[in-house]
């Protein structure tokens, strides 16, 4: 009887060892998927925040407040630069840089147009 229990214990231990050694490598593969999902969510939130600041820059530009336009365009630019790699994001960054440059020069109307273009491109980021 004791021999039978010992054999059963050894057999079950072997089965458990096989299961654990085959499942362990899968844990890292599944873990990375969750990390990537978090990165995508963070990029999406970053783009949403960039849109918010770019929209505020447009509003201040329409009111003729070049300084506040520049402040929000710079905030939007910083966020957009962390938003990932997308062609629309690259275009938005270009327009935000132009908006900042024109805003600092006091060309509020041109800065506002570039900020509006940035909002358009940021809204199309996938």
N, C-alpha and C. Protein backbone atom coordinates (compact mmCIF):
# COMPACT_ATOMS: atom_id res chain seq x y z
N UNK A 1 0.81 -1.18 0.00
CA UNK A 1 0.00 0.00 0.00
C UNK A 1 0.86 1.25 0.00
N UNK A 2 1.90 1.26 0.84
CA UNK A 2 2.77 2.42 0.92
C UNK A 2 3.52 2.60 -0.40
N UNK A 3 3.95 1.49 -1.01
CA UNK A 3 4.62 1.57 -2.29
C UNK A 3 3.72 2.19 -3.34
N UNK A 4 2.49 1.82 -3.33
CA UNK A 4 1.53 2.35 -4.31
C UNK A 4 1.38 3.86 -4.14
N UNK A 5 1.27 4.34 -2.90
CA UNK A 5 1.15 5.77 -2.64
C UNK A 5 2.42 6.52 -3.05
N UNK A 6 3.56 5.91 -2.82
CA UNK A 6 4.82 6.53 -3.19
C UNK A 6 4.92 6.67 -4.70
N UNK A 7 4.55 5.63 -5.43
CA UNK A 7 4.59 5.68 -6.89
C UNK A 7 3.62 6.74 -7.42
N UNK A 8 2.46 6.81 -6.82
CA UNK A 8 1.46 7.81 -7.23
C UNK A 8 1.98 9.22 -6.96
N UNK A 9 2.61 9.41 -5.83
CA UNK A 9 3.17 10.72 -5.47
C UNK A 9 4.28 11.11 -6.45
N UNK A 10 5.14 10.20 -6.77
CA UNK A 10 6.23 10.48 -7.72
C UNK A 10 5.65 10.79 -9.09
N UNK A 11 4.67 10.05 -9.52
CA UNK A 11 4.06 10.28 -10.84
C UNK A 11 3.39 11.65 -10.89
N UNK A 12 2.64 12.00 -9.85
CA UNK A 12 1.98 13.31 -9.81
C UNK A 12 3.00 14.44 -9.74
N UNK A 13 4.07 14.25 -9.01
CA UNK A 13 5.12 15.26 -8.93
C UNK A 13 5.74 15.46 -10.31
N UNK A 14 5.96 14.40 -11.03
CA UNK A 14 6.50 14.50 -12.40
C UNK A 14 5.57 15.24 -13.33
N UNK A 15 4.28 14.97 -13.21
CA UNK A 15 3.29 15.66 -14.04
C UNK A 15 3.26 17.15 -13.71
N UNK A 16 3.28 17.49 -12.44
CA UNK A 16 3.27 18.90 -12.02
C UNK A 16 4.54 19.62 -12.51
N UNK A 17 5.68 18.94 -12.40
CA UNK A 17 6.94 19.55 -12.87
C UNK A 17 6.88 19.81 -14.37
N UNK A 18 6.33 18.91 -15.13
CA UNK A 18 6.21 19.08 -16.58
C UNK A 18 5.29 20.25 -16.90
N UNK A 19 4.18 20.35 -16.22
CA UNK A 19 3.23 21.43 -16.46
C UNK A 19 3.85 22.78 -16.13
N UNK A 20 4.51 22.86 -15.00
CA UNK A 20 5.12 24.13 -14.58
C UNK A 20 6.24 24.57 -15.51
N UNK A 21 7.07 23.65 -15.94
CA UNK A 21 8.18 24.03 -16.81
C UNK A 21 7.71 24.42 -18.20
N UNK A 22 6.59 23.88 -18.64
CA UNK A 22 6.08 24.28 -19.96
C UNK A 22 5.26 25.57 -19.89
N UNK A 23 4.68 25.88 -18.74
CA UNK A 23 3.86 27.09 -18.62
C UNK A 23 4.67 28.31 -18.25
N UNK A 24 5.81 28.16 -17.61
CA UNK A 24 6.61 29.30 -17.16
C UNK A 24 7.03 30.22 -18.32
N UNK A 25 7.51 29.72 -19.43
CA UNK A 25 7.89 30.64 -20.51
C UNK A 25 6.71 31.44 -21.06
N UNK A 26 5.51 30.93 -20.94
CA UNK A 26 4.35 31.62 -21.47
C UNK A 26 3.98 32.84 -20.64
N UNK A 27 4.34 32.86 -19.37
CA UNK A 27 3.99 33.97 -18.51
C UNK A 27 4.59 35.27 -19.01
N UNK A 28 5.84 35.29 -19.44
CA UNK A 28 6.44 36.52 -19.92
C UNK A 28 5.81 36.98 -21.22
N UNK A 29 5.43 36.05 -22.07
CA UNK A 29 4.80 36.44 -23.33
C UNK A 29 3.45 37.11 -23.09
N UNK A 30 2.69 36.57 -22.17
CA UNK A 30 1.39 37.16 -21.89
C UNK A 30 1.53 38.45 -21.11
N UNK A 31 2.55 38.55 -20.29
CA UNK A 31 2.78 39.76 -19.52
C UNK A 31 3.11 40.95 -20.40
N UNK A 32 3.85 40.75 -21.48
CA UNK A 32 4.22 41.83 -22.37
C UNK A 32 3.02 42.41 -23.10
N UNK A 33 2.03 41.59 -23.36
CA UNK A 33 0.83 42.09 -24.03
C UNK A 33 0.13 43.14 -23.20
N UNK A 34 0.07 42.93 -21.91
CA UNK A 34 -0.54 43.89 -21.01
C UNK A 34 0.24 45.19 -20.96
N UNK A 35 1.56 45.07 -20.98
CA UNK A 35 2.40 46.27 -20.95
C UNK A 35 2.20 47.08 -22.22
N UNK A 36 2.11 46.42 -23.35
CA UNK A 36 1.90 47.13 -24.62
C UNK A 36 0.56 47.84 -24.62
N UNK A 37 -0.47 47.19 -24.08
CA UNK A 37 -1.79 47.79 -24.01
C UNK A 37 -1.75 49.06 -23.16
N UNK A 38 -0.98 49.02 -22.08
CA UNK A 38 -0.85 50.20 -21.22
C UNK A 38 -0.15 51.33 -21.96
N UNK A 39 0.84 51.00 -22.76
CA UNK A 39 1.55 52.02 -23.54
C UNK A 39 0.61 52.67 -24.55
N UNK A 40 -0.20 51.87 -25.21
CA UNK A 40 -1.15 52.40 -26.19
C UNK A 40 -2.16 53.32 -25.50
N UNK A 41 -2.66 52.90 -24.35
CA UNK A 41 -3.60 53.75 -23.61
C UNK A 41 -2.96 55.06 -23.19
N UNK A 42 -1.70 54.99 -22.76
CA UNK A 42 -0.99 56.20 -22.35
C UNK A 42 -0.80 57.14 -23.54
N UNK A 43 -0.46 56.59 -24.70
CA UNK A 43 -0.30 57.41 -25.90
C UNK A 43 -1.62 58.06 -26.29
N UNK A 44 -2.71 57.31 -26.19
CA UNK A 44 -4.02 57.87 -26.52
C UNK A 44 -4.39 59.01 -25.57
N UNK A 45 -4.12 58.83 -24.29
CA UNK A 45 -4.42 59.89 -23.32
C UNK A 45 -3.54 61.09 -23.57
N UNK A 46 -2.29 60.88 -23.92
CA UNK A 46 -1.36 61.96 -24.22
C UNK A 46 -1.86 62.77 -25.41
N UNK A 47 -2.34 62.09 -26.45
CA UNK A 47 -2.86 62.78 -27.63
C UNK A 47 -4.12 63.57 -27.26
N UNK A 48 -4.98 63.00 -26.42
CA UNK A 48 -6.18 63.73 -26.00
C UNK A 48 -5.81 65.01 -25.25
N UNK A 49 -4.81 64.91 -24.39
CA UNK A 49 -4.36 66.10 -23.66
C UNK A 49 -3.73 67.12 -24.62
N UNK A 50 -3.01 66.63 -25.61
CA UNK A 50 -2.42 67.53 -26.61
C UNK A 50 -3.51 68.26 -27.39
N UNK A 51 -4.59 67.55 -27.73
CA UNK A 51 -5.72 68.17 -28.43
C UNK A 51 -6.34 69.26 -27.56
N UNK A 52 -6.49 68.96 -26.28
CA UNK A 52 -7.08 69.93 -25.36
C UNK A 52 -6.26 71.23 -25.33
N UNK A 53 -4.94 71.09 -25.20
CA UNK A 53 -4.09 72.29 -25.16
C UNK A 53 -4.06 73.02 -26.50
N UNK A 54 -4.05 72.27 -27.58
CA UNK A 54 -4.04 72.91 -28.90
C UNK A 54 -5.36 73.66 -29.14
N UNK A 55 -6.46 73.10 -28.68
CA UNK A 55 -7.76 73.76 -28.80
C UNK A 55 -7.79 75.04 -27.98
N UNK A 56 -7.22 74.98 -26.79
CA UNK A 56 -7.14 76.19 -25.97
C UNK A 56 -6.26 77.24 -26.64
N UNK A 57 -5.19 76.79 -27.28
CA UNK A 57 -4.33 77.73 -28.01
C UNK A 57 -5.11 78.43 -29.11
N UNK A 58 -5.96 77.68 -29.82
CA UNK A 58 -6.80 78.26 -30.88
C UNK A 58 -7.75 79.30 -30.28
N UNK A 59 -8.38 78.95 -29.17
CA UNK A 59 -9.32 79.88 -28.54
C UNK A 59 -8.64 81.18 -28.12
N UNK A 60 -7.47 81.06 -27.50
CA UNK A 60 -6.74 82.26 -27.11
C UNK A 60 -6.27 83.05 -28.33
N UNK A 61 -5.90 82.34 -29.39
CA UNK A 61 -5.50 83.02 -30.62
C UNK A 61 -6.64 83.82 -31.22
N UNK A 62 -7.83 83.26 -31.19
CA UNK A 62 -9.00 83.98 -31.72
C UNK A 62 -9.32 85.22 -30.90
N UNK A 63 -8.93 85.18 -29.62
CA UNK A 63 -9.15 86.34 -28.75
C UNK A 63 -8.00 87.35 -28.86
N UNK A 64 -6.96 86.98 -29.58
CA UNK A 64 -5.82 87.88 -29.76
C UNK A 64 -4.76 87.79 -28.67
N UNK A 65 -4.79 86.74 -27.86
CA UNK A 65 -3.83 86.58 -26.76
C UNK A 65 -2.67 85.69 -27.22
N UNK A 66 -1.66 86.29 -27.81
CA UNK A 66 -0.53 85.54 -28.36
C UNK A 66 0.25 84.80 -27.28
N UNK A 67 0.43 85.43 -26.11
CA UNK A 67 1.23 84.79 -25.06
C UNK A 67 0.59 83.49 -24.58
N UNK A 68 -0.72 83.53 -24.37
CA UNK A 68 -1.41 82.32 -23.89
C UNK A 68 -1.49 81.28 -25.00
N UNK A 69 -1.60 81.73 -26.23
CA UNK A 69 -1.57 80.81 -27.36
C UNK A 69 -0.25 80.05 -27.36
N UNK A 70 0.84 80.77 -27.19
CA UNK A 70 2.17 80.15 -27.17
C UNK A 70 2.29 79.17 -26.01
N UNK A 71 1.80 79.55 -24.85
CA UNK A 71 1.88 78.69 -23.67
C UNK A 71 1.18 77.35 -23.91
N UNK A 72 -0.04 77.42 -24.45
CA UNK A 72 -0.80 76.18 -24.70
C UNK A 72 -0.25 75.40 -25.89
N UNK A 73 0.26 76.09 -26.87
CA UNK A 73 0.87 75.39 -28.01
C UNK A 73 2.13 74.65 -27.57
N UNK A 74 2.91 75.26 -26.68
CA UNK A 74 4.10 74.59 -26.16
C UNK A 74 3.72 73.36 -25.34
N UNK A 75 2.68 73.48 -24.53
CA UNK A 75 2.22 72.32 -23.74
C UNK A 75 1.74 71.21 -24.66
N UNK A 76 1.01 71.60 -25.70
CA UNK A 76 0.51 70.62 -26.66
C UNK A 76 1.68 69.95 -27.40
N UNK A 77 2.67 70.73 -27.75
CA UNK A 77 3.84 70.20 -28.45
C UNK A 77 4.57 69.17 -27.59
N UNK A 78 4.77 69.48 -26.32
CA UNK A 78 5.45 68.54 -25.43
C UNK A 78 4.69 67.22 -25.33
N UNK A 79 3.37 67.31 -25.25
CA UNK A 79 2.56 66.10 -25.18
C UNK A 79 2.56 65.35 -26.50
N UNK A 80 2.47 66.08 -27.59
CA UNK A 80 2.44 65.46 -28.91
C UNK A 80 3.73 64.70 -29.20
N UNK A 81 4.83 65.23 -28.70
CA UNK A 81 6.11 64.57 -28.93
C UNK A 81 6.22 63.24 -28.18
N UNK A 82 5.38 63.03 -27.18
CA UNK A 82 5.35 61.77 -26.44
C UNK A 82 4.23 60.86 -26.91
N UNK A 83 3.51 61.26 -27.96
CA UNK A 83 2.31 60.54 -28.37
C UNK A 83 2.51 59.35 -29.27
N UNK A 84 3.72 59.01 -29.63
CA UNK A 84 3.94 57.85 -30.48
C UNK A 84 4.42 58.24 -31.86
N UNK A 85 4.25 57.32 -32.80
CA UNK A 85 4.70 57.56 -34.17
C UNK A 85 3.51 57.42 -35.11
N UNK A 86 3.07 58.52 -35.63
CA UNK A 86 1.94 58.56 -36.55
C UNK A 86 2.18 59.73 -37.49
N UNK A 87 1.83 59.59 -38.74
CA UNK A 87 2.06 60.67 -39.71
C UNK A 87 1.30 61.93 -39.33
N UNK A 88 0.08 61.78 -38.86
CA UNK A 88 -0.71 62.96 -38.45
C UNK A 88 -0.08 63.63 -37.23
N UNK A 89 0.50 62.82 -36.36
CA UNK A 89 1.18 63.37 -35.20
C UNK A 89 2.39 64.19 -35.62
N UNK A 90 3.12 63.71 -36.59
CA UNK A 90 4.28 64.45 -37.11
C UNK A 90 3.84 65.77 -37.73
N UNK A 91 2.74 65.75 -38.46
CA UNK A 91 2.22 66.99 -39.06
C UNK A 91 1.76 67.96 -37.98
N UNK A 92 1.12 67.44 -36.95
CA UNK A 92 0.65 68.28 -35.84
C UNK A 92 1.84 68.94 -35.15
N UNK A 93 2.91 68.19 -34.96
CA UNK A 93 4.10 68.74 -34.32
C UNK A 93 4.67 69.88 -35.16
N UNK A 94 4.71 69.70 -36.46
CA UNK A 94 5.20 70.76 -37.36
C UNK A 94 4.35 72.02 -37.23
N UNK A 95 3.04 71.85 -37.22
CA UNK A 95 2.13 73.01 -37.11
C UNK A 95 2.23 73.67 -35.74
N UNK A 96 2.41 72.88 -34.69
CA UNK A 96 2.56 73.46 -33.36
C UNK A 96 3.84 74.29 -33.26
N UNK A 97 4.91 73.79 -33.87
CA UNK A 97 6.16 74.56 -33.87
C UNK A 97 5.98 75.89 -34.61
N UNK A 98 5.26 75.84 -35.72
CA UNK A 98 4.98 77.07 -36.48
C UNK A 98 4.10 78.01 -35.67
N UNK A 99 3.11 77.46 -34.98
CA UNK A 99 2.22 78.28 -34.15
C UNK A 99 3.02 78.98 -33.06
N UNK A 100 3.94 78.28 -32.45
CA UNK A 100 4.77 78.87 -31.40
C UNK A 100 5.64 79.97 -31.98
N UNK A 101 6.26 79.69 -33.11
CA UNK A 101 7.14 80.68 -33.73
C UNK A 101 6.37 81.95 -34.10
N UNK A 102 5.24 81.80 -34.75
CA UNK A 102 4.44 82.96 -35.14
C UNK A 102 3.84 83.67 -33.93
N UNK A 103 3.45 82.89 -32.92
CA UNK A 103 2.90 83.50 -31.71
C UNK A 103 3.92 84.35 -30.99
N UNK A 104 5.16 83.86 -30.92
CA UNK A 104 6.23 84.63 -30.28
C UNK A 104 6.55 85.90 -31.07
N UNK A 105 6.34 85.84 -32.38
CA UNK A 105 6.60 87.01 -33.23
C UNK A 105 5.43 87.98 -33.21
N UNK A 106 4.33 87.59 -32.57
CA UNK A 106 3.17 88.47 -32.49
C UNK A 106 2.20 88.32 -33.65
N UNK A 107 2.40 87.33 -34.49
CA UNK A 107 1.49 87.07 -35.62
C UNK A 107 0.39 86.12 -35.17
N UNK A 108 -0.53 86.66 -34.40
CA UNK A 108 -1.56 85.82 -33.77
C UNK A 108 -2.43 85.12 -34.80
N UNK A 109 -2.75 85.80 -35.91
CA UNK A 109 -3.62 85.18 -36.91
C UNK A 109 -2.97 83.96 -37.55
N UNK A 110 -1.69 84.05 -37.91
CA UNK A 110 -0.99 82.90 -38.50
C UNK A 110 -0.80 81.79 -37.46
N UNK A 111 -0.49 82.19 -36.25
CA UNK A 111 -0.31 81.21 -35.18
C UNK A 111 -1.60 80.44 -34.94
N UNK A 112 -2.71 81.15 -34.98
CA UNK A 112 -4.01 80.51 -34.76
C UNK A 112 -4.31 79.51 -35.87
N UNK A 113 -3.99 79.87 -37.12
CA UNK A 113 -4.23 78.94 -38.24
C UNK A 113 -3.39 77.68 -38.09
N UNK A 114 -2.14 77.84 -37.67
CA UNK A 114 -1.29 76.66 -37.46
C UNK A 114 -1.81 75.82 -36.30
N UNK A 115 -2.28 76.46 -35.25
CA UNK A 115 -2.84 75.72 -34.12
C UNK A 115 -4.10 74.96 -34.54
N UNK A 116 -4.91 75.58 -35.39
CA UNK A 116 -6.11 74.89 -35.90
C UNK A 116 -5.72 73.67 -36.73
N UNK A 117 -4.69 73.82 -37.56
CA UNK A 117 -4.21 72.68 -38.35
C UNK A 117 -3.69 71.57 -37.43
N UNK A 118 -3.02 71.98 -36.36
CA UNK A 118 -2.52 70.99 -35.40
C UNK A 118 -3.68 70.22 -34.77
N UNK A 119 -4.74 70.92 -34.40
CA UNK A 119 -5.91 70.25 -33.83
C UNK A 119 -6.49 69.26 -34.82
N UNK A 120 -6.58 69.66 -36.08
CA UNK A 120 -7.11 68.78 -37.12
C UNK A 120 -6.28 67.50 -37.22
N UNK A 121 -4.97 67.66 -37.27
CA UNK A 121 -4.10 66.48 -37.39
C UNK A 121 -4.10 65.63 -36.12
N UNK A 122 -4.10 66.27 -34.97
CA UNK A 122 -4.16 65.50 -33.71
C UNK A 122 -5.44 64.69 -33.61
N UNK A 123 -6.52 65.25 -34.12
CA UNK A 123 -7.81 64.55 -34.08
C UNK A 123 -7.83 63.32 -34.98
N UNK A 124 -6.91 63.27 -35.94
CA UNK A 124 -6.86 62.13 -36.88
C UNK A 124 -5.85 61.08 -36.49
N UNK A 125 -5.16 61.28 -35.36
CA UNK A 125 -4.19 60.28 -34.90
C UNK A 125 -4.93 59.03 -34.47
N UNK A 126 -4.41 57.88 -34.88
CA UNK A 126 -5.07 56.60 -34.55
C UNK A 126 -4.37 55.91 -33.43
